[in-house]
Amino acid sequence: MTDKSFSTTRRTVLGLTGAGALTALAGCLGGVTALQADGNGNGNQSARTYRVTVANLTSSQPFTPPVVVAHQPSVELFSVGDPANDAIKELAENGNLAPLGELAESLNEVRGAAIAETPLVPTELPGSDMFPSWTTLELETDASGAYLSFVSMLIGTNDGFTGLDTVPLPDQVNESRSYFAASFDAGTETNTEMYADMVPPAQGLYGIDSGTEGTGTSNPDLAEDGVITPHGGIVGDGDLDVEVYGWDDPVALVQVERMA
């Protein structure tokens, strides 16, 4: 099973999950979270604030810090059956959040965004000593940004992620909505299920030292020219034991409430 003697630190895990890109992402999203004026130049009159809680429902799959985005209906971060864009590829393979921030910044249709400060780790894993299994974010938008998308990497996979694509935000003050999110395979990297091909925190959060460091960059030799599909789960072909790393859908619960 797991060897809890392997030591890791909060700084190490955050740095290697691409959360070293958190600063860059925050910079990219800085201009997004500032509400833009409506047609009459009264941006604040249509301002809306939402409380978004994201919970990891698995017993074995840590998430990278979740990102939530408020946007107009024309925005599509990902779609099952379509190839993953570069932002989803980098998130799903490497836990790299920076391209997602750049994408959000480039789209006027994105009206607000928020990112968690830490990974979400199931209480059954050693990494839960440092990180929570759920988090609450404050998301600011305007009336035109009436839809929510959410994404987060499944850290113990090659290119797995979870997310919601363009679901309605609550319209009335104090109204709340709950959504369950499934797991997806980005279709961009072969599922070797080998530690050497996964982000380094995959070992630390499980309390394992395999003797290999893992990688936070894409390997062209493992590139897979596929499309986004529902994830088939862990099959046990490599280093990963199905009983330890497997999961059932849904993997995440997202609750959204419009605040006064």
C-alpha atoms as a PDB file:
ATOM      1  CA  MET A   1       0.000   0.000   0.000  1.00  0.00           C
ATOM      2  CA  THR A   2       1.497   3.364   0.974  1.00  0.00           C
ATOM      3  CA  ASP A   3       4.771   4.218   2.654  1.00  0.00           C
ATOM      4  CA  LYS A   4       4.159   7.253   4.848  1.00  0.00           C
ATOM      5  CA  SER A   5       7.884   7.625   5.535  1.00  0.00           C
ATOM      6  CA  PHE A   6       8.264   9.634   2.319  1.00  0.00           C
ATOM      7  CA  SER A   7       8.451  13.274   3.330  1.00  0.00           C
ATOM      8  CA  THR A   8       7.079  16.198   1.378  1.00  0.00           C
ATOM      9  CA  THR A   9       6.335  19.782   2.278  1.00  0.00           C
ATOM     10  CA  ARG A  10       3.574  22.247   1.481  1.00  0.00           C
ATOM     11  CA  ARG A  11       6.014  24.406  -0.483  1.00  0.00           C
ATOM     12  CA  THR A  12       7.306  21.449  -2.495  1.00  0.00           C
ATOM     13  CA  VAL A  13       3.846  20.224  -3.422  1.00  0.00           C
ATOM     14  CA  LEU A  14       2.584  23.659  -4.398  1.00  0.00           C
ATOM     15  CA  GLY A  15       5.699  24.398  -6.418  1.00  0.00           C
ATOM     16  CA  LEU A  16       5.537  21.159  -8.373  1.00  0.00           C
ATOM     17  CA  THR A  17       1.826  21.087  -9.133  1.00  0.00           C
ATOM     18  CA  GLY A  18       2.180  24.064 -11.378  1.00  0.00           C
ATOM     19  CA  ALA A  19       1.034  26.175  -8.481  1.00  0.00           C
ATOM     20  CA  GLY A  20       4.342  27.868  -9.045  1.00  0.00           C
ATOM     21  CA  ALA A  21       2.225  29.262 -11.851  1.00  0.00           C
ATOM     22  CA  LEU A  22      -0.337  30.506  -9.327  1.00  0.00           C
ATOM     23  CA  THR A  23       1.314  33.910  -9.179  1.00  0.00           C
ATOM     24  CA  ALA A  24       1.323  34.180 -12.947  1.00  0.00           C
ATOM     25  CA  LEU A  25      -2.270  33.003 -13.112  1.00  0.00           C
ATOM     26  CA  ALA A  26      -3.348  35.518 -10.499  1.00  0.00           C
ATOM     27  CA  GLY A  27      -1.714  38.205 -12.581  1.00  0.00           C
ATOM     28  CA  CYS A  28      -3.524  37.056 -15.689  1.00  0.00           C
ATOM     29  CA  LEU A  29      -6.858  36.943 -13.888  1.00  0.00           C
ATOM     30  CA  GLY A  30      -6.371  40.297 -12.241  1.00  0.00           C
ATOM     31  CA  GLY A  31      -7.863  42.116 -15.199  1.00  0.00           C
ATOM     32  CA  VAL A  32     -10.640  39.558 -15.530  1.00  0.00           C
ATOM     33  CA  THR A  33     -11.970  39.862 -12.015  1.00  0.00           C
ATOM     34  CA  ALA A  34     -12.345  43.638 -12.310  1.00  0.00           C
ATOM     35  CA  LEU A  35     -15.896  44.062 -13.602  1.00  0.00           C
ATOM     36  CA  GLN A  36     -16.294  45.927 -16.838  1.00  0.00           C
ATOM     37  CA  ALA A  37     -18.938  48.619 -17.275  1.00  0.00           C
ATOM     38  CA  ASP A  38     -22.234  47.815 -18.933  1.00  0.00           C
ATOM     39  CA  GLY A  39     -23.545  49.654 -21.970  1.00  0.00           C
ATOM     40  CA  ASN A  40     -24.465  52.666 -19.835  1.00  0.00           C
ATOM     41  CA  GLY A  41     -21.054  52.817 -18.185  1.00  0.00           C
ATOM     42  CA  ASN A  42     -22.440  51.498 -14.889  1.00  0.00           C
ATOM     43  CA  GLY A  43     -20.421  48.384 -14.255  1.00  0.00           C
ATOM     44  CA  ASN A  44     -21.135  48.231 -10.512  1.00  0.00           C
ATOM     45  CA  GLN A  45     -24.923  48.262 -10.990  1.00  0.00           C
ATOM     46  CA  SER A  46     -24.760  44.771 -12.492  1.00  0.00           C
ATOM     47  CA  ALA A  47     -22.094  43.412 -10.138  1.00  0.00           C
ATOM     48  CA  ARG A  48     -22.736  39.979  -8.679  1.00  0.00           C
ATOM     49  CA  THR A  49     -20.856  37.989  -6.058  1.00  0.00           C
ATOM     50  CA  TYR A  50     -20.991  34.227  -5.723  1.00  0.00           C
ATOM     51  CA  ARG A  51     -19.720  31.858  -3.067  1.00  0.00           C
ATOM     52  CA  VAL A  52     -18.418  28.720  -4.783  1.00  0.00           C
ATOM     53  CA  THR A  53     -17.543  25.644  -2.724  1.00  0.00           C
ATOM     54  CA  VAL A  54     -15.631  22.813  -4.402  1.00  0.00           C
ATOM     55  CA  ALA A  55     -15.352  19.466  -2.603  1.00  0.00           C
ATOM     56  CA  ASN A  56     -13.246  16.454  -3.556  1.00  0.00           C
ATOM     57  CA  LEU A  57     -15.562  13.439  -3.288  1.00  0.00           C
ATOM     58  CA  THR A  58     -12.938  10.777  -3.984  1.00  0.00           C
ATOM     59  CA  SER A  59     -10.996   8.733  -1.472  1.00  0.00           C
ATOM     60  CA  SER A  60      -7.882   8.507  -3.626  1.00  0.00           C
ATOM     61  CA  GLN A  61      -7.457  11.333  -6.136  1.00  0.00           C
ATOM     62  CA  PRO A  62      -5.993  14.701  -5.089  1.00  0.00           C
ATOM     63  CA  PHE A  63      -6.989  17.728  -7.186  1.00  0.00           C
ATOM     64  CA  THR A  64      -4.812  20.642  -8.185  1.00  0.00           C
ATOM     65  CA  PRO A  65      -6.108  24.010  -6.891  1.00  0.00           C
ATOM     66  CA  PRO A  66      -9.511  24.362  -8.586  1.00  0.00           C
ATOM     67  CA  VAL A  67     -10.238  27.226 -10.974  1.00  0.00           C
ATOM     68  CA  VAL A  68     -13.757  28.622 -11.427  1.00  0.00           C
ATOM     69  CA  VAL A  69     -14.696  31.014 -14.226  1.00  0.00           C
ATOM     70  CA  ALA A  70     -17.838  33.127 -14.771  1.00  0.00           C
ATOM     71  CA  HIS A  71     -18.500  33.789 -18.429  1.00  0.00           C
ATOM     72  CA  GLN A  72     -20.951  34.340 -21.236  1.00  0.00           C
ATOM     73  CA  PRO A  73     -22.495  31.273 -22.948  1.00  0.00           C
ATOM     74  CA  SER A  74     -20.165  31.496 -25.949  1.00  0.00           C
ATOM     75  CA  VAL A  75     -17.149  30.416 -23.844  1.00  0.00           C
ATOM     76  CA  GLU A  76     -16.306  26.701 -23.797  1.00  0.00           C
ATOM     77  CA  LEU A  77     -13.272  25.603 -21.775  1.00  0.00           C
ATOM     78  CA  PHE A  78     -13.679  21.975 -22.802  1.00  0.00           C
ATOM     79  CA  SER A  79     -16.135  19.695 -24.558  1.00  0.00           C
ATOM     80  CA  VAL A  80     -16.389  15.904 -24.506  1.00  0.00           C
ATOM     81  CA  GLY A  81     -15.672  14.554 -27.978  1.00  0.00           C
ATOM     82  CA  ASP A  82     -13.470  17.496 -28.989  1.00  0.00           C
ATOM     83  CA  PRO A  83      -9.675  17.817 -28.749  1.00  0.00           C
ATOM     84  CA  ALA A  84      -8.441  19.541 -25.605  1.00  0.00           C
ATOM     85  CA  ASN A  85      -7.182  23.086 -26.085  1.00  0.00           C
ATOM     86  CA  ASP A  86      -3.677  23.961 -24.926  1.00  0.00           C
ATOM     87  CA  ALA A  87      -4.917  25.287 -21.580  1.00  0.00           C
ATOM     88  CA  ILE A  88      -6.746  22.049 -20.696  1.00  0.00           C
ATOM     89  CA  LYS A  89      -3.808  19.962 -21.997  1.00  0.00           C
ATOM     90  CA  GLU A  90      -1.360  21.754 -19.708  1.00  0.00           C
ATOM     91  CA  LEU A  91      -3.718  21.513 -16.754  1.00  0.00           C
ATOM     92  CA  ALA A  92      -4.517  17.821 -17.264  1.00  0.00           C
ATOM     93  CA  GLU A  93      -0.948  16.676 -17.996  1.00  0.00           C
ATOM     94  CA  ASN A  94       1.201  18.966 -15.872  1.00  0.00           C
ATOM     95  CA  GLY A  95      -1.024  20.815 -13.417  1.00  0.00           C
ATOM     96  CA  ASN A  96       0.074  23.998 -15.178  1.00  0.00           C
ATOM     97  CA  LEU A  97      -2.505  26.732 -14.607  1.00  0.00           C
ATOM     98  CA  ALA A  98      -0.792  29.597 -16.437  1.00  0.00           C
ATOM     99  CA  PRO A  99      -2.206  28.888 -19.946  1.00  0.00           C
ATOM    100  CA  LEU A 100      -5.716  28.845 -18.469  1.00  0.00           C
ATOM    101  CA  GLY A 101      -5.111  32.288 -17.008  1.00  0.00           C
ATOM    102  CA  GLU A 102      -3.823  33.554 -20.335  1.00  0.00           C
ATOM    103  CA  LEU A 103      -6.890  32.176 -22.094  1.00  0.00           C
ATOM    104  CA  ALA A 104      -9.239  33.820 -19.590  1.00  0.00           C
ATOM    105  CA  GLU A 105      -7.442  37.130 -19.911  1.00  0.00           C
ATOM    106  CA  SER A 106      -7.711  37.053 -23.707  1.00  0.00           C
ATOM    107  CA  LEU A 107     -11.492  36.580 -23.785  1.00  0.00           C
ATOM    108  CA  ASN A 108     -13.767  39.541 -23.106  1.00  0.00           C
ATOM    109  CA  GLU A 109     -16.579  37.012 -22.670  1.00  0.00           C
ATOM    110  CA  VAL A 110     -14.923  35.843 -19.447  1.00  0.00           C
ATOM    111  CA  ARG A 111     -16.364  38.151 -16.769  1.00  0.00           C
ATOM    112  CA  GLY A 112     -14.751  36.833 -13.598  1.00  0.00           C
ATOM    113  CA  ALA A 113     -12.498  34.094 -12.245  1.00  0.00           C
ATOM    114  CA  ALA A 114     -11.159  32.732  -8.962  1.00  0.00           C
ATOM    115  CA  ILE A 115      -8.555  30.156  -8.016  1.00  0.00           C
ATOM    116  CA  ALA A 116      -8.005  28.190  -4.825  1.00  0.00           C
ATOM    117  CA  GLU A 117      -4.744  28.515  -2.912  1.00  0.00           C
ATOM    118  CA  THR A 118      -4.094  24.809  -2.303  1.00  0.00           C
ATOM    119  CA  PRO A 119      -4.720  21.339  -3.747  1.00  0.00           C
ATOM    120  CA  LEU A 120      -7.767  19.411  -2.520  1.00  0.00           C
ATOM    121  CA  VAL A 121      -6.693  16.126  -0.947  1.00  0.00           C
ATOM    122  CA  PRO A 122      -8.996  13.320   0.267  1.00  0.00           C
ATOM    123  CA  THR A 123      -8.855  12.770   4.019  1.00  0.00           C
ATOM    124  CA  GLU A 124      -7.767   9.143   3.459  1.00  0.00           C
ATOM    125  CA  LEU A 125      -4.417  10.217   1.959  1.00  0.00           C
ATOM    126  CA  PRO A 126      -1.275  11.274   3.886  1.00  0.00           C
ATOM    127  CA  GLY A 127      -1.288  14.608   2.025  1.00  0.00           C
ATOM    128  CA  SER A 128      -4.476  15.572   3.857  1.00  0.00           C
ATOM    129  CA  ASP A 129      -2.281  16.484   6.832  1.00  0.00           C
ATOM    130  CA  MET A 130      -1.291  19.586   4.839  1.00  0.00           C
ATOM    131  CA  PHE A 131      -4.215  20.221   2.516  1.00  0.00           C
ATOM    132  CA  PRO A 132      -8.033  20.323   2.807  1.00  0.00           C
ATOM    133  CA  SER A 133     -10.487  18.205   0.840  1.00  0.00           C
ATOM    134  CA  TRP A 134     -12.726  21.195   0.044  1.00  0.00           C
ATOM    135  CA  THR A 135     -12.446  24.938  -0.374  1.00  0.00           C
ATOM    136  CA  THR A 136     -14.660  28.002  -0.779  1.00  0.00           C
ATOM    137  CA  LEU A 137     -13.982  30.723  -3.352  1.00  0.00           C
ATOM    138  CA  GLU A 138     -15.505  34.155  -3.928  1.00  0.00           C
ATOM    139  CA  LEU A 139     -16.343  34.797  -7.564  1.00  0.00           C
ATOM    140  CA  GLU A 140     -17.243  38.249  -8.871  1.00  0.00           C
ATOM    141  CA  THR A 141     -18.927  38.798 -12.218  1.00  0.00           C
ATOM    142  CA  ASP A 142     -21.667  40.882 -13.843  1.00  0.00           C
ATOM    143  CA  ALA A 143     -25.094  40.031 -15.223  1.00  0.00           C
ATOM    144  CA  SER A 144     -23.668  38.997 -18.585  1.00  0.00           C
ATOM    145  CA  GLY A 145     -21.376  36.429 -16.994  1.00  0.00           C
ATOM    146  CA  ALA A 146     -24.222  34.119 -16.070  1.00  0.00           C
ATOM    147  CA  TYR A 147     -22.460  30.780 -16.583  1.00  0.00           C
ATOM    148  CA  LEU A 148     -19.868  28.863 -14.584  1.00  0.00           C
ATOM    149  CA  SER A 149     -17.071  26.545 -15.650  1.00  0.00           C
ATOM    150  CA  PHE A 150     -14.711  24.681 -13.312  1.00  0.00           C
ATOM    151  CA  VAL A 151     -11.563  22.623 -13.900  1.00  0.00           C
ATOM    152  CA  SER A 152      -8.996  20.781 -11.780  1.00  0.00           C
ATOM    153  CA  MET A 153      -6.415  18.074 -12.529  1.00  0.00           C
ATOM    154  CA  LEU A 154      -6.630  14.585 -11.030  1.00  0.00           C
ATOM    155  CA  ILE A 155      -3.052  14.514  -9.764  1.00  0.00           C
ATOM    156  CA  GLY A 156      -2.662  10.716  -9.651  1.00  0.00           C
ATOM    157  CA  THR A 157      -3.218  10.316 -13.411  1.00  0.00           C
ATOM    158  CA  ASN A 158      -1.396  11.007 -16.670  1.00  0.00           C
ATOM    159  CA  ASP A 159      -3.912  13.467 -18.137  1.00  0.00           C
ATOM    160  CA  GLY A 160      -7.060  13.179 -16.079  1.00  0.00           C
ATOM    161  CA  PHE A 161      -9.130  16.124 -14.907  1.00  0.00           C
ATOM    162  CA  THR A 162     -12.528  17.015 -13.544  1.00  0.00           C
ATOM    163  CA  GLY A 163     -14.716  19.937 -14.456  1.00  0.00           C
ATOM    164  CA  LEU A 164     -17.994  21.573 -15.307  1.00  0.00           C
ATOM    165  CA  ASP A 165     -18.613  23.181 -18.667  1.00  0.00           C
ATOM    166  CA  THR A 166     -20.982  26.173 -18.908  1.00  0.00           C
ATOM    167  CA  VAL A 167     -23.556  25.529 -16.186  1.00  0.00           C
ATOM    168  CA  PRO A 168     -25.986  28.292 -15.111  1.00  0.00           C
ATOM    169  CA  LEU A 169     -25.139  30.462 -12.127  1.00  0.00           C
ATOM    170  CA  PRO A 170     -27.963  31.235  -9.673  1.00  0.00           C
ATOM    171  CA  ASP A 171     -29.826  34.366 -10.731  1.00  0.00           C
ATOM    172  CA  GLN A 172     -31.523  35.494  -7.514  1.00  0.00           C
ATOM    173  CA  VAL A 173     -29.805  36.690  -4.338  1.00  0.00           C
ATOM    174  CA  ASN A 174     -29.496  33.818  -1.802  1.00  0.00           C
ATOM    175  CA  GLU A 175     -30.358  31.289  -4.504  1.00  0.00           C
ATOM    176  CA  SER A 176     -28.012  28.294  -4.624  1.00  0.00           C
ATOM    177  CA  ARG A 177     -27.306  25.480  -7.032  1.00  0.00           C
ATOM    178  CA  SER A 178     -25.342  22.240  -6.669  1.00  0.00           C
ATOM    179  CA  TYR A 179     -23.530  20.385  -9.428  1.00  0.00           C
ATOM    180  CA  PHE A 180     -21.703  17.055  -9.509  1.00  0.00           C
ATOM    181  CA  ALA A 181     -18.594  16.870 -11.709  1.00  0.00           C
ATOM    182  CA  ALA A 182     -17.321  13.733 -13.411  1.00  0.00           C
ATOM    183  CA  SER A 183     -13.774  12.724 -14.366  1.00  0.00           C
ATOM    184  CA  PHE A 184     -12.407  13.167 -17.887  1.00  0.00           C
ATOM    185  CA  ASP A 185      -9.411  12.015 -19.913  1.00  0.00           C
ATOM    186  CA  ALA A 186      -7.915  14.866 -21.934  1.00  0.00           C
ATOM    187  CA  GLY A 187      -6.809  12.465 -24.668  1.00  0.00           C
ATOM    188  CA  THR A 188      -3.440  14.202 -24.912  1.00  0.00           C
ATOM    189  CA  GLU A 189      -1.108  11.717 -23.192  1.00  0.00           C
ATOM    190  CA  THR A 190      -0.932   7.922 -23.086  1.00  0.00           C
ATOM    191  CA  ASN A 191      -2.106   6.551 -19.754  1.00  0.00           C
ATOM    192  CA  THR A 192       1.067   4.755 -18.710  1.00  0.00           C
ATOM    193  CA  GLU A 193       0.106   4.951 -15.017  1.00  0.00           C
ATOM    194  CA  MET A 194       3.831   5.274 -14.250  1.00  0.00           C
ATOM    195  CA  TYR A 195       5.150   7.628 -11.570  1.00  0.00           C
ATOM    196  CA  ALA A 196       7.935   8.704 -13.910  1.00  0.00           C
ATOM    197  CA  ASP A 197       5.300  10.166 -16.255  1.00  0.00           C
ATOM    198  CA  MET A 198       3.267  11.960 -13.574  1.00  0.00           C
ATOM    199  CA  VAL A 199       3.693  15.236 -11.738  1.00  0.00           C
ATOM    200  CA  PRO A 200       6.014  14.772  -8.712  1.00  0.00           C
ATOM    201  CA  PRO A 201       3.357  15.558  -6.056  1.00  0.00           C
ATOM    202  CA  ALA A 202       1.524  12.389  -7.117  1.00  0.00           C
ATOM    203  CA  GLN A 203       3.972  10.518  -4.900  1.00  0.00           C
ATOM    204  CA  GLY A 204       4.220  12.951  -2.026  1.00  0.00           C
ATOM    205  CA  LEU A 205       0.474  13.252  -1.541  1.00  0.00           C
ATOM    206  CA  TYR A 206       0.149   9.459  -1.425  1.00  0.00           C
ATOM    207  CA  GLY A 207       3.112   9.092   0.956  1.00  0.00           C
ATOM    208  CA  ILE A 208       5.158   7.076  -1.526  1.00  0.00           C
ATOM    209  CA  ASP A 209       8.769   7.256  -2.690  1.00  0.00           C
ATOM    210  CA  SER A 210       9.111   5.263  -5.906  1.00  0.00           C
ATOM    211  CA  GLY A 211      12.696   6.308  -6.558  1.00  0.00           C
ATOM    212  CA  THR A 212      11.660   8.366  -9.602  1.00  0.00           C
ATOM    213  CA  GLU A 213      11.044  12.103  -9.516  1.00  0.00           C
ATOM    214  CA  GLY A 214       8.232  12.317 -12.058  1.00  0.00           C
ATOM    215  CA  THR A 215       7.871  15.255 -14.398  1.00  0.00           C
ATOM    216  CA  GLY A 216       5.980  18.514 -14.732  1.00  0.00           C
ATOM    217  CA  THR A 217       6.501  18.765 -18.494  1.00  0.00           C
ATOM    218  CA  SER A 218       4.905  16.962 -21.414  1.00  0.00           C
ATOM    219  CA  ASN A 219       6.764  14.066 -23.040  1.00  0.00           C
ATOM    220  CA  PRO A 220       6.378  14.106 -26.861  1.00  0.00           C
ATOM    221  CA  ASP A 221       6.869  10.322 -26.911  1.00  0.00           C
ATOM    222  CA  LEU A 222       3.645   9.925 -24.930  1.00  0.00           C
ATOM    223  CA  ALA A 223       1.612  12.386 -26.982  1.00  0.00           C
ATOM    224  CA  GLU A 224      -1.842  11.100 -27.859  1.00  0.00           C
ATOM    225  CA  ASP A 225      -3.834  12.733 -30.630  1.00  0.00           C
ATOM    226  CA  GLY A 226      -7.177  12.004 -29.049  1.00  0.00           C
ATOM    227  CA  VAL A 227     -10.264  13.816 -27.806  1.00  0.00           C
ATOM    228  CA  ILE A 228     -11.722  14.470 -24.382  1.00  0.00           C
ATOM    229  CA  THR A 229     -13.653  11.445 -23.119  1.00  0.00           C
ATOM    230  CA  PRO A 230     -15.124  10.247 -19.831  1.00  0.00           C
ATOM    231  CA  HIS A 231     -12.184   8.819 -17.903  1.00  0.00           C
ATOM    232  CA  GLY A 232     -11.920   5.041 -17.834  1.00  0.00           C
ATOM    233  CA  GLY A 233     -10.248   5.094 -14.425  1.00  0.00           C
ATOM    234  CA  ILE A 234      -7.113   3.330 -13.244  1.00  0.00           C
ATOM    235  CA  VAL A 235      -6.615  -0.104 -14.814  1.00  0.00           C
ATOM    236  CA  GLY A 236      -3.405  -1.168 -13.027  1.00  0.00           C
ATOM    237  CA  ASP A 237      -1.098  -1.425 -16.039  1.00  0.00           C
ATOM    238  CA  GLY A 238       1.772   0.540 -14.464  1.00  0.00           C
ATOM    239  CA  ASP A 239       2.740   1.618 -10.951  1.00  0.00           C
ATOM    240  CA  LEU A 240      -0.803   2.326  -9.812  1.00  0.00           C
ATOM    241  CA  ASP A 241      -2.908  -0.146  -7.864  1.00  0.00           C
ATOM    242  CA  VAL A 242      -6.596   0.109  -8.732  1.00  0.00           C
ATOM    243  CA  GLU A 243      -7.541  -0.396  -5.080  1.00  0.00           C
ATOM    244  CA  VAL A 244      -5.358   2.548  -4.005  1.00  0.00           C
ATOM    245  CA  TYR A 245      -5.763   5.018  -6.864  1.00  0.00           C
ATOM    246  CA  GLY A 246      -9.144   4.152  -8.376  1.00  0.00           C
ATOM    247  CA  TRP A 247     -12.308   6.225  -8.036  1.00  0.00           C
ATOM    248  CA  ASP A 248     -15.969   6.333  -8.946  1.00  0.00           C
ATOM    249  CA  ASP A 249     -17.809   9.224 -10.568  1.00  0.00           C
ATOM    250  CA  PRO A 250     -18.817  11.830  -9.627  1.00  0.00           C
ATOM    251  CA  VAL A 251     -15.493  13.028  -8.247  1.00  0.00           C
ATOM    252  CA  ALA A 252     -16.414  16.572  -7.229  1.00  0.00           C
ATOM    253  CA  LEU A 253     -19.312  18.547  -5.799  1.00  0.00           C
ATOM    254  CA  VAL A 254     -19.628  22.233  -6.699  1.00  0.00           C
ATOM    255  CA  GLN A 255     -22.091  24.363  -4.742  1.00  0.00           C
ATOM    256  CA  VAL A 256     -22.774  27.937  -5.839  1.00  0.00           C
ATOM    257  CA  GLU A 257     -24.703  30.610  -3.949  1.00  0.00           C
ATOM    258  CA  ARG A 258     -25.398  34.168  -5.041  1.00  0.00           C
ATOM    259  CA  MET A 259     -24.529  36.523  -2.198  1.00  0.00           C
ATOM    260  CA  ALA A 260     -26.280  39.777  -1.270  1.00  0.00           C
END
